[in-house]
Amino acid sequence: MTRHEETPVMTTAQQPLPSGFGAASTARDVVEGVDLTGRVAVVTGGYSGIGLETSRVLRAAGARVVVPARDPERARAALKGLDGVEVERMDLIDPASVDAFAARFLASGRPLHILVNSAGIMATPLTRDARGHEAQFATNHLGHFRLTARLWPALVAAHGARVVAVSSRGIRFSPVVFDDLHFERRPYEPFLAYGQSKTANALFAVELDRRGRAHGVRAFAVHPGTIVHTGLAKHVSAEALRAAGAVDDEGRVVIDPARQLKTVQQGAATGVWCATSPRLDGLGGVYCENCDISPLVAPGTETDWYATAELPGVLPYAVDPEAAARLWAVSEELTA
């Protein structure tokens, strides 16, 4: 245990512990004193942004890290000098590529102790995968759903695995719209699609945890904060970033962890905390931010929550177990 984590605390779902960490904590802060020697981690998106920092910190704590990447050469360049980090080819939007990566990993015979589903796209123009699925939902949710399902035997073999789904406060833009997941009948709005995919990430963690807990597999969803300088926001206009307070009038990135405006090191912290903290032993199926379990946004306080990023919390529809079970069934159908 770290020095911050000496007293076990009992909790219920979506109730802060508190953890002893906060919005300004970094990934290195939360993993201090945690020994991951002998553990194996897979980090999607583990060669850029918060995924890269996650790979670095997990490796520094002793884990062997595998980074699946659509562009292996770019990934190797980003990870150069990190001994103990492997790069494998995988494209989340291509089911055959996901299956091939998972088959190679399973053939290695290794258990999988940590799976961090960090890769994603945001607010892209309307595109579809080969099956006609809207690309943000297909990449951010369906690709990770398929990957986790294919890696299931290795997760169970770990006898104590954690899966971290990187969600976002973008859940505020949309629930999962089951009647039109792929914008076939409603007008496409990039942030509605992004929000739906991030809500799907949160719901995925709820149902995966329910299904996995008897097998020692626990799942968490995380809001990392707003980290502008990672490339994720490349489809977002400068005007929108200024309106959100993420950049100033001169275009400089604003860092203010109290308002969820974070560095890469701070943005990676909650995911690493969920993946490694002993304080979360026996827990799961929760949405976390600022290195703690988020409270539910209480009825009647939604307007205040939407208006200010200083208020932590998760909307009930993003952790609703009935919606989570429905999404799981739909996702099984869509991924065959």
C-alpha atoms as a PDB file:
ATOM      1  CA  MET A   1       0.000   0.000   0.000  1.00  0.00           C
ATOM      2  CA  THR A   2       1.062   3.575  -0.492  1.00  0.00           C
ATOM      3  CA  ARG A   3       1.350   5.967   2.412  1.00  0.00           C
ATOM      4  CA  HIS A   4      -1.996   7.458   1.349  1.00  0.00           C
ATOM      5  CA  GLU A   5      -3.791   4.124   1.540  1.00  0.00           C
ATOM      6  CA  GLU A   6      -3.281   2.664   4.989  1.00  0.00           C
ATOM      7  CA  THR A   7      -6.846   2.358   6.237  1.00  0.00           C
ATOM      8  CA  PRO A   8      -9.375   0.206   4.373  1.00  0.00           C
ATOM      9  CA  VAL A   9     -12.671   1.968   3.784  1.00  0.00           C
ATOM     10  CA  MET A  10     -16.005   0.325   3.071  1.00  0.00           C
ATOM     11  CA  THR A  11     -18.135   2.034   0.491  1.00  0.00           C
ATOM     12  CA  THR A  12     -21.192   1.674  -1.681  1.00  0.00           C
ATOM     13  CA  ALA A  13     -21.405   2.257  -5.402  1.00  0.00           C
ATOM     14  CA  GLN A  14     -20.845   5.868  -6.504  1.00  0.00           C
ATOM     15  CA  GLN A  15     -19.849   7.117  -3.102  1.00  0.00           C
ATOM     16  CA  PRO A  16     -16.424   8.786  -2.718  1.00  0.00           C
ATOM     17  CA  LEU A  17     -14.035   6.956  -0.406  1.00  0.00           C
ATOM     18  CA  PRO A  18     -12.222   9.514   0.009  1.00  0.00           C
ATOM     19  CA  SER A  19      -8.997   8.276  -1.590  1.00  0.00           C
ATOM     20  CA  GLY A  20      -6.453  10.750  -0.257  1.00  0.00           C
ATOM     21  CA  PHE A  21      -5.728  11.982  -3.772  1.00  0.00           C
ATOM     22  CA  GLY A  22      -7.332  14.736  -5.796  1.00  0.00           C
ATOM     23  CA  ALA A  23      -7.666  16.594  -9.068  1.00  0.00           C
ATOM     24  CA  ALA A  24      -4.024  17.688  -9.145  1.00  0.00           C
ATOM     25  CA  SER A  25      -2.579  14.257  -8.332  1.00  0.00           C
ATOM     26  CA  THR A  26      -0.444  12.684 -11.041  1.00  0.00           C
ATOM     27  CA  ALA A  27      -0.241   9.091 -12.221  1.00  0.00           C
ATOM     28  CA  ARG A  28       3.120   8.739 -10.500  1.00  0.00           C
ATOM     29  CA  ASP A  29       1.609  10.022  -7.256  1.00  0.00           C
ATOM     30  CA  VAL A  30      -1.133   7.390  -7.185  1.00  0.00           C
ATOM     31  CA  VAL A  31       1.136   4.456  -8.011  1.00  0.00           C
ATOM     32  CA  GLU A  32       3.820   5.366  -5.464  1.00  0.00           C
ATOM     33  CA  GLY A  33       4.562   2.327  -3.326  1.00  0.00           C
ATOM     34  CA  VAL A  34       2.612  -0.065  -5.572  1.00  0.00           C
ATOM     35  CA  ASP A  35       4.713  -2.956  -6.920  1.00  0.00           C
ATOM     36  CA  LEU A  36       3.473  -4.361 -10.232  1.00  0.00           C
ATOM     37  CA  THR A  37       6.367  -6.763 -10.776  1.00  0.00           C
ATOM     38  CA  GLY A  38       5.078  -9.871 -12.523  1.00  0.00           C
ATOM     39  CA  ARG A  39       1.882  -8.152 -13.701  1.00  0.00           C
ATOM     40  CA  VAL A  40       0.934  -7.789 -17.360  1.00  0.00           C
ATOM     41  CA  ALA A  41      -0.977  -4.780 -18.692  1.00  0.00           C
ATOM     42  CA  VAL A  42      -2.512  -3.985 -22.080  1.00  0.00           C
ATOM     43  CA  VAL A  43      -3.024  -0.269 -22.772  1.00  0.00           C
ATOM     44  CA  THR A  44      -4.879   0.720 -25.932  1.00  0.00           C
ATOM     45  CA  GLY A  45      -3.802   4.129 -27.135  1.00  0.00           C
ATOM     46  CA  GLY A  46      -0.730   3.572 -24.997  1.00  0.00           C
ATOM     47  CA  TYR A  47       1.589   5.549 -27.226  1.00  0.00           C
ATOM     48  CA  SER A  48       0.031   9.020 -27.100  1.00  0.00           C
ATOM     49  CA  GLY A  49      -1.568  11.397 -24.619  1.00  0.00           C
ATOM     50  CA  ILE A  50      -2.723   9.953 -21.340  1.00  0.00           C
ATOM     51  CA  GLY A  51      -2.290   6.438 -22.730  1.00  0.00           C
ATOM     52  CA  LEU A  52       1.436   7.025 -23.164  1.00  0.00           C
ATOM     53  CA  GLU A  53       1.750   8.341 -19.618  1.00  0.00           C
ATOM     54  CA  THR A  54      -0.219   5.315 -18.399  1.00  0.00           C
ATOM     55  CA  SER A  55       2.196   2.973 -20.179  1.00  0.00           C
ATOM     56  CA  ARG A  56       5.209   4.775 -18.707  1.00  0.00           C
ATOM     57  CA  VAL A  57       3.903   4.734 -15.153  1.00  0.00           C
ATOM     58  CA  LEU A  58       2.725   1.110 -15.176  1.00  0.00           C
ATOM     59  CA  ARG A  59       6.089   0.051 -16.563  1.00  0.00           C
ATOM     60  CA  ALA A  60       7.959   2.126 -13.971  1.00  0.00           C
ATOM     61  CA  ALA A  61       5.986   0.287 -11.280  1.00  0.00           C
ATOM     62  CA  GLY A  62       7.187  -3.046 -12.659  1.00  0.00           C
ATOM     63  CA  ALA A  63       4.452  -4.202 -15.033  1.00  0.00           C
ATOM     64  CA  ARG A  64       5.121  -5.631 -18.464  1.00  0.00           C
ATOM     65  CA  VAL A  65       3.093  -3.465 -20.850  1.00  0.00           C
ATOM     66  CA  VAL A  66       1.656  -4.376 -24.236  1.00  0.00           C
ATOM     67  CA  VAL A  67       0.521  -1.516 -26.483  1.00  0.00           C
ATOM     68  CA  PRO A  68      -1.689  -2.448 -29.433  1.00  0.00           C
ATOM     69  CA  ALA A  69      -1.445   0.214 -32.130  1.00  0.00           C
ATOM     70  CA  ARG A  70      -2.906   0.943 -35.540  1.00  0.00           C
ATOM     71  CA  ASP A  71       0.475   2.464 -36.491  1.00  0.00           C
ATOM     72  CA  PRO A  72       3.162   0.291 -34.847  1.00  0.00           C
ATOM     73  CA  GLU A  73       6.070   2.355 -36.161  1.00  0.00           C
ATOM     74  CA  ARG A  74       4.672   5.536 -34.678  1.00  0.00           C
ATOM     75  CA  ALA A  75       4.038   3.696 -31.416  1.00  0.00           C
ATOM     76  CA  ARG A  76       7.582   2.330 -31.251  1.00  0.00           C
ATOM     77  CA  ALA A  77       8.982   5.805 -31.834  1.00  0.00           C
ATOM     78  CA  ALA A  78       6.855   7.251 -29.015  1.00  0.00           C
ATOM     79  CA  LEU A  79       7.817   4.417 -26.657  1.00  0.00           C
ATOM     80  CA  LYS A  80      11.499   4.375 -27.568  1.00  0.00           C
ATOM     81  CA  GLY A  81      13.677   3.750 -24.550  1.00  0.00           C
ATOM     82  CA  LEU A  82      10.951   2.066 -22.503  1.00  0.00           C
ATOM     83  CA  ASP A  83      12.322  -1.419 -21.998  1.00  0.00           C
ATOM     84  CA  GLY A  84       9.599  -3.902 -21.123  1.00  0.00           C
ATOM     85  CA  VAL A  85       6.941  -2.335 -23.341  1.00  0.00           C
ATOM     86  CA  GLU A  86       5.828  -4.340 -26.375  1.00  0.00           C
ATOM     87  CA  VAL A  87       4.054  -2.939 -29.436  1.00  0.00           C
ATOM     88  CA  GLU A  88       1.574  -5.029 -31.434  1.00  0.00           C
ATOM     89  CA  ARG A  89      -0.528  -4.176 -34.470  1.00  0.00           C
ATOM     90  CA  MET A  90      -4.263  -3.621 -33.873  1.00  0.00           C
ATOM     91  CA  ASP A  91      -6.948  -1.355 -35.323  1.00  0.00           C
ATOM     92  CA  LEU A  92      -9.946  -1.007 -32.993  1.00  0.00           C
ATOM     93  CA  ILE A  93     -12.387  -0.321 -35.809  1.00  0.00           C
ATOM     94  CA  ASP A  94     -11.405  -3.526 -37.659  1.00  0.00           C
ATOM     95  CA  PRO A  95     -12.862  -6.657 -36.000  1.00  0.00           C
ATOM     96  CA  ALA A  96     -10.391  -8.987 -37.737  1.00  0.00           C
ATOM     97  CA  SER A  97      -7.481  -6.902 -36.451  1.00  0.00           C
ATOM     98  CA  VAL A  98      -8.830  -6.986 -32.890  1.00  0.00           C
ATOM     99  CA  ASP A  99      -9.318 -10.748 -33.089  1.00  0.00           C
ATOM    100  CA  ALA A 100      -5.806 -11.275 -34.449  1.00  0.00           C
ATOM    101  CA  PHE A 101      -4.210  -9.219 -31.674  1.00  0.00           C
ATOM    102  CA  ALA A 102      -6.179 -11.059 -28.982  1.00  0.00           C
ATOM    103  CA  ALA A 103      -5.292 -14.429 -30.498  1.00  0.00           C
ATOM    104  CA  ARG A 104      -1.586 -13.558 -30.412  1.00  0.00           C
ATOM    105  CA  PHE A 105      -1.819 -12.437 -26.807  1.00  0.00           C
ATOM    106  CA  LEU A 106      -3.695 -15.570 -25.728  1.00  0.00           C
ATOM    107  CA  ALA A 107      -1.181 -17.740 -27.568  1.00  0.00           C
ATOM    108  CA  SER A 108       1.556 -16.275 -25.369  1.00  0.00           C
ATOM    109  CA  GLY A 109      -0.064 -18.008 -22.400  1.00  0.00           C
ATOM    110  CA  ARG A 110       0.188 -14.942 -20.197  1.00  0.00           C
ATOM    111  CA  PRO A 111      -2.513 -13.839 -17.752  1.00  0.00           C
ATOM    112  CA  LEU A 112      -3.755 -10.274 -18.152  1.00  0.00           C
ATOM    113  CA  HIS A 113      -3.871  -8.356 -14.882  1.00  0.00           C
ATOM    114  CA  ILE A 114      -4.682  -4.867 -16.195  1.00  0.00           C
ATOM    115  CA  LEU A 115      -6.549  -3.798 -19.332  1.00  0.00           C
ATOM    116  CA  VAL A 116      -6.788  -0.050 -19.885  1.00  0.00           C
ATOM    117  CA  ASN A 117      -9.117   0.839 -22.758  1.00  0.00           C
ATOM    118  CA  SER A 118      -7.745   4.324 -23.385  1.00  0.00           C
ATOM    119  CA  ALA A 119      -7.755   4.769 -27.167  1.00  0.00           C
ATOM    120  CA  GLY A 120     -10.492   6.885 -28.670  1.00  0.00           C
ATOM    121  CA  ILE A 121     -11.639   9.506 -31.131  1.00  0.00           C
ATOM    122  CA  MET A 122     -13.677  12.640 -30.418  1.00  0.00           C
ATOM    123  CA  ALA A 123     -16.186  14.807 -32.265  1.00  0.00           C
ATOM    124  CA  THR A 124     -15.220  13.515 -35.699  1.00  0.00           C
ATOM    125  CA  PRO A 125     -17.164  14.165 -38.902  1.00  0.00           C
ATOM    126  CA  LEU A 126     -19.654  11.423 -39.717  1.00  0.00           C
ATOM    127  CA  THR A 127     -17.887   8.272 -40.835  1.00  0.00           C
ATOM    128  CA  ARG A 128     -18.852   4.627 -40.615  1.00  0.00           C
ATOM    129  CA  ASP A 129     -16.987   1.363 -40.297  1.00  0.00           C
ATOM    130  CA  ALA A 130     -17.259  -1.490 -42.778  1.00  0.00           C
ATOM    131  CA  ARG A 131     -20.462  -2.681 -41.110  1.00  0.00           C
ATOM    132  CA  GLY A 132     -22.111   0.738 -41.223  1.00  0.00           C
ATOM    133  CA  HIS A 133     -21.644   1.524 -37.539  1.00  0.00           C
ATOM    134  CA  GLU A 134     -21.016   5.177 -36.608  1.00  0.00           C
ATOM    135  CA  ALA A 135     -17.269   5.513 -36.130  1.00  0.00           C
ATOM    136  CA  GLN A 136     -17.102   7.016 -32.630  1.00  0.00           C
ATOM    137  CA  PHE A 137     -19.400   4.347 -31.213  1.00  0.00           C
ATOM    138  CA  ALA A 138     -17.587   1.661 -33.210  1.00  0.00           C
ATOM    139  CA  THR A 139     -14.112   2.748 -32.096  1.00  0.00           C
ATOM    140  CA  ASN A 140     -14.649   3.959 -28.553  1.00  0.00           C
ATOM    141  CA  HIS A 141     -17.135   1.297 -27.476  1.00  0.00           C
ATOM    142  CA  LEU A 142     -17.560  -1.635 -29.855  1.00  0.00           C
ATOM    143  CA  GLY A 143     -13.848  -2.079 -30.527  1.00  0.00           C
ATOM    144  CA  HIS A 144     -13.066  -2.189 -26.827  1.00  0.00           C
ATOM    145  CA  PHE A 145     -16.075  -4.416 -26.145  1.00  0.00           C
ATOM    146  CA  ARG A 146     -14.772  -6.919 -28.685  1.00  0.00           C
ATOM    147  CA  LEU A 147     -11.206  -6.682 -27.394  1.00  0.00           C
ATOM    148  CA  THR A 148     -12.237  -7.291 -23.795  1.00  0.00           C
ATOM    149  CA  ALA A 149     -14.405 -10.255 -24.790  1.00  0.00           C
ATOM    150  CA  ARG A 150     -11.581 -11.825 -26.792  1.00  0.00           C
ATOM    151  CA  LEU A 151      -9.094 -11.317 -23.942  1.00  0.00           C
ATOM    152  CA  TRP A 152     -11.515 -12.714 -21.360  1.00  0.00           C
ATOM    153  CA  PRO A 153      -9.634 -16.018 -20.773  1.00  0.00           C
ATOM    154  CA  ALA A 154      -6.454 -14.102 -19.951  1.00  0.00           C
ATOM    155  CA  LEU A 155      -8.308 -11.747 -17.608  1.00  0.00           C
ATOM    156  CA  VAL A 156      -9.824 -14.693 -15.723  1.00  0.00           C
ATOM    157  CA  ALA A 157      -6.434 -16.422 -15.596  1.00  0.00           C
ATOM    158  CA  ALA A 158      -5.005 -13.440 -13.691  1.00  0.00           C
ATOM    159  CA  HIS A 159      -7.122 -14.366 -10.628  1.00  0.00           C
ATOM    160  CA  GLY A 160      -7.631 -10.688  -9.897  1.00  0.00           C
ATOM    161  CA  ALA A 161      -7.798  -8.458 -12.972  1.00  0.00           C
ATOM    162  CA  ARG A 162      -8.949  -4.895 -13.496  1.00  0.00           C
ATOM    163  CA  VAL A 163     -10.404  -3.351 -16.629  1.00  0.00           C
ATOM    164  CA  VAL A 164     -10.421   0.442 -16.934  1.00  0.00           C
ATOM    165  CA  ALA A 165     -12.736   2.051 -19.482  1.00  0.00           C
ATOM    166  CA  VAL A 166     -11.726   5.635 -20.229  1.00  0.00           C
ATOM    167  CA  SER A 167     -15.005   7.508 -20.376  1.00  0.00           C
ATOM    168  CA  SER A 168     -15.440  11.278 -20.075  1.00  0.00           C
ATOM    169  CA  ARG A 169     -17.583  14.048 -18.684  1.00  0.00           C
ATOM    170  CA  GLY A 170     -18.734  13.987 -22.287  1.00  0.00           C
ATOM    171  CA  ILE A 171     -21.439  11.672 -20.947  1.00  0.00           C
ATOM    172  CA  ARG A 172     -23.338  14.935 -20.472  1.00  0.00           C
ATOM    173  CA  PHE A 173     -23.883  15.265 -24.209  1.00  0.00           C
ATOM    174  CA  SER A 174     -25.989  12.130 -24.642  1.00  0.00           C
ATOM    175  CA  PRO A 175     -27.223   8.885 -23.153  1.00  0.00           C
ATOM    176  CA  VAL A 176     -27.046   5.778 -25.329  1.00  0.00           C
ATOM    177  CA  VAL A 177     -29.861   6.237 -27.859  1.00  0.00           C
ATOM    178  CA  PHE A 178     -30.816   2.625 -28.444  1.00  0.00           C
ATOM    179  CA  ASP A 179     -33.414   3.474 -31.073  1.00  0.00           C
ATOM    180  CA  ASP A 180     -30.808   5.039 -33.366  1.00  0.00           C
ATOM    181  CA  LEU A 181     -27.286   4.161 -32.288  1.00  0.00           C
ATOM    182  CA  HIS A 182     -25.713   4.971 -35.645  1.00  0.00           C
ATOM    183  CA  PHE A 183     -27.480   8.211 -36.620  1.00  0.00           C
ATOM    184  CA  GLU A 184     -29.436   6.612 -39.420  1.00  0.00           C
ATOM    185  CA  ARG A 185     -32.643   8.546 -38.712  1.00  0.00           C
ATOM    186  CA  ARG A 186     -31.524  11.566 -36.661  1.00  0.00           C
ATOM    187  CA  PRO A 187     -29.187  14.373 -37.718  1.00  0.00           C
ATOM    188  CA  TYR A 188     -25.559  13.634 -36.952  1.00  0.00           C
ATOM    189  CA  GLU A 189     -23.949  15.891 -34.367  1.00  0.00           C
ATOM    190  CA  PRO A 190     -20.285  15.126 -33.568  1.00  0.00           C
ATOM    191  CA  PHE A 191     -20.590  15.781 -29.837  1.00  0.00           C
ATOM    192  CA  LEU A 192     -23.831  13.829 -29.507  1.00  0.00           C
ATOM    193  CA  ALA A 193     -22.058  10.858 -31.043  1.00  0.00           C
ATOM    194  CA  TYR A 194     -19.043  11.375 -28.793  1.00  0.00           C
ATOM    195  CA  GLY A 195     -21.241  11.659 -25.711  1.00  0.00           C
ATOM    196  CA  GLN A 196     -23.117   8.488 -26.606  1.00  0.00           C
ATOM    197  CA  SER A 197     -19.845   6.587 -26.983  1.00  0.00           C
ATOM    198  CA  LYS A 198     -18.548   7.852 -23.621  1.00  0.00           C
ATOM    199  CA  THR A 199     -21.797   6.914 -21.887  1.00  0.00           C
ATOM    200  CA  ALA A 200     -21.411   3.499 -23.497  1.00  0.00           C
ATOM    201  CA  ASN A 201     -17.912   3.231 -21.989  1.00  0.00           C
ATOM    202  CA  ALA A 202     -19.336   3.936 -18.531  1.00  0.00           C
ATOM    203  CA  LEU A 203     -22.196   1.466 -18.928  1.00  0.00           C
ATOM    204  CA  PHE A 204     -19.787  -1.155 -20.238  1.00  0.00           C
ATOM    205  CA  ALA A 205     -17.845  -0.998 -16.969  1.00  0.00           C
ATOM    206  CA  VAL A 206     -21.039  -1.471 -14.959  1.00  0.00           C
ATOM    207  CA  GLU A 207     -22.105  -4.646 -16.746  1.00  0.00           C
ATOM    208  CA  LEU A 208     -18.597  -6.055 -17.189  1.00  0.00           C
ATOM    209  CA  ASP A 209     -18.068  -5.749 -13.464  1.00  0.00           C
ATOM    210  CA  ARG A 210     -21.356  -7.513 -12.743  1.00  0.00           C
ATOM    211  CA  ARG A 211     -20.404 -10.373 -15.033  1.00  0.00           C
ATOM    212  CA  GLY A 212     -16.765 -10.504 -14.019  1.00  0.00           C
ATOM    213  CA  ARG A 213     -16.722 -10.178 -10.252  1.00  0.00           C
ATOM    214  CA  ALA A 214     -17.277 -13.918  -9.651  1.00  0.00           C
ATOM    215  CA  HIS A 215     -14.214 -14.553 -11.831  1.00  0.00           C
ATOM    216  CA  GLY A 216     -12.030 -11.952 -10.141  1.00  0.00           C
ATOM    217  CA  VAL A 217     -12.436  -9.403 -12.930  1.00  0.00           C
ATOM    218  CA  ARG A 218     -13.451  -5.914 -11.784  1.00  0.00           C
ATOM    219  CA  ALA A 219     -14.159  -2.922 -14.007  1.00  0.00           C
ATOM    220  CA  PHE A 220     -14.083   0.852 -13.615  1.00  0.00           C
ATOM    221  CA  ALA A 221     -14.951   3.814 -15.821  1.00  0.00           C
ATOM    222  CA  VAL A 222     -12.974   7.029 -15.520  1.00  0.00           C
ATOM    223  CA  HIS A 223     -13.223  10.672 -16.464  1.00  0.00           C
ATOM    224  CA  PRO A 224      -9.593  11.749 -16.936  1.00  0.00           C
ATOM    225  CA  GLY A 225     -10.314  15.464 -17.154  1.00  0.00           C
ATOM    226  CA  THR A 226      -9.926  17.822 -20.092  1.00  0.00           C
ATOM    227  CA  ILE A 227      -6.458  17.475 -21.586  1.00  0.00           C
ATOM    228  CA  VAL A 228      -6.326  19.637 -24.703  1.00  0.00           C
ATOM    229  CA  HIS A 229      -2.767  19.017 -25.860  1.00  0.00           C
ATOM    230  CA  THR A 230      -3.069  15.299 -26.718  1.00  0.00           C
ATOM    231  CA  GLY A 231      -4.439  15.428 -30.260  1.00  0.00           C
ATOM    232  CA  LEU A 232      -7.834  14.103 -29.209  1.00  0.00           C
ATOM    233  CA  ALA A 233      -9.396  17.532 -29.732  1.00  0.00           C
ATOM    234  CA  LYS A 234      -8.095  17.997 -33.277  1.00  0.00           C
ATOM    235  CA  HIS A 235     -11.643  18.142 -34.659  1.00  0.00           C
ATOM    236  CA  VAL A 236     -12.732  20.768 -32.108  1.00  0.00           C
ATOM    237  CA  SER A 237     -12.580  24.401 -33.232  1.00  0.00           C
ATOM    238  CA  ALA A 238     -10.425  26.988 -31.472  1.00  0.00           C
ATOM    239  CA  GLU A 239     -13.604  28.956 -30.774  1.00  0.00           C
ATOM    240  CA  ALA A 240     -15.160  25.991 -28.979  1.00  0.00           C
ATOM    241  CA  LEU A 241     -12.021  25.441 -26.908  1.00  0.00           C
ATOM    242  CA  ARG A 242     -11.977  29.107 -25.880  1.00  0.00           C
ATOM    243  CA  ALA A 243     -15.681  28.996 -25.023  1.00  0.00           C
ATOM    244  CA  ALA A 244     -15.004  26.003 -22.783  1.00  0.00           C
ATOM    245  CA  GLY A 245     -12.164  27.864 -21.054  1.00  0.00           C
ATOM    246  CA  ALA A 246      -9.666  25.215 -22.174  1.00  0.00           C
ATOM    247  CA  VAL A 247      -7.483  27.763 -23.968  1.00  0.00           C
ATOM    248  CA  ASP A 248      -7.075  31.497 -23.379  1.00  0.00           C
ATOM    249  CA  ASP A 249      -7.524  34.328 -25.875  1.00  0.00           C
ATOM    250  CA  GLU A 250      -3.951  33.829 -27.118  1.00  0.00           C
ATOM    251  CA  GLY A 251      -4.566  30.124 -27.727  1.00  0.00           C
ATOM    252  CA  ARG A 252      -2.499  28.964 -24.770  1.00  0.00           C
ATOM    253  CA  VAL A 253      -3.656  25.838 -22.950  1.00  0.00           C
ATOM    254  CA  VAL A 254      -5.187  26.551 -19.538  1.00  0.00           C
ATOM    255  CA  ILE A 255      -4.193  24.229 -16.693  1.00  0.00           C
ATOM    256  CA  ASP A 256      -6.586  24.355 -13.736  1.00  0.00           C
ATOM    257  CA  PRO A 257      -7.203  20.911 -12.169  1.00  0.00           C
ATOM    258  CA  ALA A 258     -10.028  22.282 -10.007  1.00  0.00           C
ATOM    259  CA  ARG A 259     -11.941  22.867 -13.253  1.00  0.00           C
ATOM    260  CA  GLN A 260     -10.843  19.506 -14.718  1.00  0.00           C
ATOM    261  CA  LEU A 261      -8.299  21.247 -17.010  1.00  0.00           C
ATOM    262  CA  LYS A 262      -5.301  18.974 -16.516  1.00  0.00           C
ATOM    263  CA  THR A 263      -1.821  18.069 -17.621  1.00  0.00           C
ATOM    264  CA  VAL A 264      -1.245  14.707 -19.256  1.00  0.00           C
ATOM    265  CA  GLN A 265       0.291  13.455 -16.004  1.00  0.00           C
ATOM    266  CA  GLN A 266      -2.789  14.531 -14.037  1.00  0.00           C
ATOM    267  CA  GLY A 267      -5.132  13.183 -16.705  1.00  0.00           C
ATOM    268  CA  ALA A 268      -3.617   9.710 -16.510  1.00  0.00           C
ATOM    269  CA  ALA A 269      -3.904   9.574 -12.725  1.00  0.00           C
ATOM    270  CA  THR A 270      -7.479   8.367 -12.275  1.00  0.00           C
ATOM    271  CA  GLY A 271      -7.082   5.504 -14.733  1.00  0.00           C
ATOM    272  CA  VAL A 272      -3.841   4.372 -13.099  1.00  0.00           C
ATOM    273  CA  TRP A 273      -5.456   4.670  -9.664  1.00  0.00           C
ATOM    274  CA  CYS A 274      -8.358   2.474 -10.780  1.00  0.00           C
ATOM    275  CA  ALA A 275      -5.964  -0.046 -12.304  1.00  0.00           C
ATOM    276  CA  THR A 276      -3.689  -0.373  -9.283  1.00  0.00           C
ATOM    277  CA  SER A 277      -5.015   1.008  -6.000  1.00  0.00           C
ATOM    278  CA  PRO A 278      -5.405  -1.498  -3.143  1.00  0.00           C
ATOM    279  CA  ARG A 279      -8.173   0.760  -1.826  1.00  0.00           C
ATOM    280  CA  LEU A 280     -10.367  -0.517  -4.656  1.00  0.00           C
ATOM    281  CA  ASP A 281      -9.938  -4.189  -3.825  1.00  0.00           C
ATOM    282  CA  GLY A 282     -13.376  -5.767  -3.749  1.00  0.00           C
ATOM    283  CA  LEU A 283     -14.984  -2.805  -5.513  1.00  0.00           C
ATOM    284  CA  GLY A 284     -15.957  -2.159  -9.111  1.00  0.00           C
ATOM    285  CA  GLY A 285     -18.665  -1.133 -11.519  1.00  0.00           C
ATOM    286  CA  VAL A 286     -18.212   2.540 -10.634  1.00  0.00           C
ATOM    287  CA  TYR A 287     -17.385   5.759 -12.474  1.00  0.00           C
ATOM    288  CA  CYS A 288     -14.410   7.659 -11.094  1.00  0.00           C
ATOM    289  CA  GLU A 289     -12.794  11.089 -11.465  1.00  0.00           C
ATOM    290  CA  ASN A 290     -10.084  13.049  -9.676  1.00  0.00           C
ATOM    291  CA  CYS A 291      -8.684   9.770  -8.310  1.00  0.00           C
ATOM    292  CA  ASP A 292     -11.829   8.861  -6.393  1.00  0.00           C
ATOM    293  CA  ILE A 293     -15.271   7.375  -6.930  1.00  0.00           C
ATOM    294  CA  SER A 294     -17.642  10.021  -8.240  1.00  0.00           C
ATOM    295  CA  PRO A 295     -20.892  10.828  -6.465  1.00  0.00           C
ATOM    296  CA  LEU A 296     -24.147  10.568  -8.358  1.00  0.00           C
ATOM    297  CA  VAL A 297     -25.503  13.863  -9.646  1.00  0.00           C
ATOM    298  CA  ALA A 298     -28.468  14.275  -7.329  1.00  0.00           C
ATOM    299  CA  PRO A 299     -31.952  14.997  -8.681  1.00  0.00           C
ATOM    300  CA  GLY A 300     -32.548  18.729  -8.822  1.00  0.00           C
ATOM    301  CA  THR A 301     -28.831  19.595  -9.080  1.00  0.00           C
ATOM    302  CA  GLU A 302     -28.360  18.771 -12.752  1.00  0.00           C
ATOM    303  CA  THR A 303     -28.425  22.406 -13.885  1.00  0.00           C
ATOM    304  CA  ASP A 304     -25.585  23.334 -11.530  1.00  0.00           C
ATOM    305  CA  TRP A 305     -23.597  20.254 -12.557  1.00  0.00           C
ATOM    306  CA  TYR A 306     -23.924  21.047 -16.251  1.00  0.00           C
ATOM    307  CA  ALA A 307     -22.927  24.662 -15.634  1.00  0.00           C
ATOM    308  CA  THR A 308     -19.654  24.086 -13.806  1.00  0.00           C
ATOM    309  CA  ALA A 309     -16.847  21.568 -14.134  1.00  0.00           C
ATOM    310  CA  GLU A 310     -15.880  22.113 -10.498  1.00  0.00           C
ATOM    311  CA  LEU A 311     -18.718  19.867  -9.350  1.00  0.00           C
ATOM    312  CA  PRO A 312     -17.789  16.178  -9.581  1.00  0.00           C
ATOM    313  CA  GLY A 313     -20.400  13.597 -10.357  1.00  0.00           C
ATOM    314  CA  VAL A 314     -21.854  11.111 -12.799  1.00  0.00           C
ATOM    315  CA  LEU A 315     -25.304  11.288 -14.355  1.00  0.00           C
ATOM    316  CA  PRO A 316     -27.483   8.343 -13.283  1.00  0.00           C
ATOM    317  CA  TYR A 317     -28.128   7.231 -16.864  1.00  0.00           C
ATOM    318  CA  ALA A 318     -24.401   6.538 -17.309  1.00  0.00           C
ATOM    319  CA  VAL A 319     -24.320   3.979 -14.478  1.00  0.00           C
ATOM    320  CA  ASP A 320     -27.837   2.549 -14.809  1.00  0.00           C
ATOM    321  CA  PRO A 321     -27.588  -1.260 -14.528  1.00  0.00           C
ATOM    322  CA  GLU A 322     -30.623  -1.868 -16.757  1.00  0.00           C
ATOM    323  CA  ALA A 323     -29.189   0.296 -19.528  1.00  0.00           C
ATOM    324  CA  ALA A 324     -25.820  -1.418 -19.031  1.00  0.00           C
ATOM    325  CA  ALA A 325     -27.349  -4.874 -19.467  1.00  0.00           C
ATOM    326  CA  ARG A 326     -29.254  -3.721 -22.551  1.00  0.00           C
ATOM    327  CA  LEU A 327     -26.120  -2.224 -24.086  1.00  0.00           C
ATOM    328  CA  TRP A 328     -24.226  -5.447 -23.464  1.00  0.00           C
ATOM    329  CA  ALA A 329     -26.853  -7.484 -25.310  1.00  0.00           C
ATOM    330  CA  VAL A 330     -26.917  -5.021 -28.212  1.00  0.00           C
ATOM    331  CA  SER A 331     -23.116  -4.975 -28.365  1.00  0.00           C
ATOM    332  CA  GLU A 332     -22.991  -8.777 -28.536  1.00  0.00           C
ATOM    333  CA  GLU A 333     -25.332  -8.641 -31.533  1.00  0.00           C
ATOM    334  CA  LEU A 334     -23.353  -5.881 -33.259  1.00  0.00           C
ATOM    335  CA  THR A 335     -20.017  -7.650 -32.781  1.00  0.00           C
ATOM    336  CA  ALA A 336     -21.433 -11.094 -33.628  1.00  0.00           C
END
